[in-house]
Amino acid sequence: MRGTLERAEVETRPLVLAADDGTTWELLFPPSWRVEVEEGARVTVHGDRATDVWTTTMVGPVLRVRTLSTD
């Protein structure tokens, strides 16, 4: 999916994808991944909806990220 990287306005400020379809996805990255893309960047993210994960931020569905690239 495509969208813009943002920081959610909740206490831990998780990185989220504001998708072009209007959905806000909380991004779950593989362990030890370093995200080197700035907030506000347009990106394409490939992954799977993580239905087995709950977060304390509850900003939207969780997307288990496989790849992330800038547009």
Protein backbone atom coordinates (compact mmCIF):
# COMPACT_ATOMS: atom_id res chain seq x y z
CA MET A 1 0.00 0.00 0.00
CA ARG A 2 1.03 3.59 -0.53
CA GLY A 3 0.84 6.57 1.76
CA THR A 4 2.71 8.99 4.00
CA LEU A 5 4.78 8.16 7.08
CA GLU A 6 3.62 10.02 10.17
CA ARG A 7 4.06 9.92 13.94
CA ALA A 8 0.82 9.25 15.79
CA GLU A 9 -0.11 11.85 18.39
CA VAL A 10 -0.15 9.41 21.32
CA GLU A 11 2.36 8.96 24.14
CA THR A 12 4.83 6.61 22.41
CA ARG A 13 4.52 8.41 19.03
CA PRO A 14 4.58 5.24 16.92
CA LEU A 15 5.40 5.44 13.24
CA VAL A 16 2.25 4.96 11.19
CA LEU A 17 1.30 4.85 7.55
CA ALA A 18 -1.45 7.27 6.55
CA ALA A 19 -2.53 5.21 3.55
CA ASP A 20 -3.98 6.76 0.44
CA ASP A 21 -7.29 4.96 1.09
CA GLY A 22 -7.70 6.84 4.40
CA THR A 23 -6.65 3.99 6.71
CA THR A 24 -4.04 4.67 9.39
CA TRP A 25 -1.81 1.64 9.88
CA GLU A 26 0.48 1.16 12.87
CA LEU A 27 3.69 -0.27 11.46
CA LEU A 28 5.33 -3.29 13.05
CA PHE A 29 8.90 -3.67 11.83
CA PRO A 30 11.09 -6.79 12.01
CA PRO A 31 13.48 -6.88 15.00
CA SER A 32 16.59 -4.73 14.54
CA TRP A 33 15.17 -2.90 11.50
CA ARG A 34 16.32 0.70 11.15
CA VAL A 35 13.88 3.00 9.43
CA GLU A 36 15.92 5.59 7.57
CA VAL A 37 13.00 7.42 6.03
CA GLU A 38 11.88 10.79 7.37
CA GLU A 39 8.44 11.49 8.74
CA GLY A 40 6.31 12.98 5.95
CA ALA A 41 7.91 10.84 3.24
CA ARG A 42 5.73 9.20 0.60
CA VAL A 43 6.31 5.44 0.75
CA THR A 44 5.15 2.09 -0.50
CA VAL A 45 4.87 -0.61 2.15
CA HIS A 46 4.42 -4.32 1.58
CA GLY A 47 3.33 -6.47 4.47
CA ASP A 48 0.53 -8.39 6.10
CA ARG A 49 -2.16 -7.37 8.53
CA ALA A 50 -1.06 -8.59 11.96
CA THR A 51 -4.23 -10.00 13.50
CA ASP A 52 -2.29 -11.73 16.29
CA VAL A 53 -0.86 -8.48 17.75
CA TRP A 54 -2.38 -5.80 19.97
CA THR A 55 -0.68 -2.56 20.88
CA THR A 56 -1.23 -0.07 23.67
CA THR A 57 -1.49 2.84 21.23
CA MET A 58 -4.52 1.49 19.32
CA VAL A 59 -4.09 3.95 16.43
CA GLY A 60 -5.38 1.54 13.80
CA PRO A 61 -4.82 -1.90 12.38
CA VAL A 62 -1.27 -3.22 12.65
CA LEU A 63 0.74 -3.91 9.51
CA ARG A 64 3.66 -6.34 9.80
CA VAL A 65 6.14 -4.70 7.41
CA ARG A 66 8.10 -6.83 4.92
CA THR A 67 9.44 -4.01 2.73
CA LEU A 68 9.32 -0.21 2.77
CA SER A 69 10.51 1.98 -0.09
CA THR A 70 10.26 5.65 -0.91
CA ASP A 71 8.19 6.72 -3.91
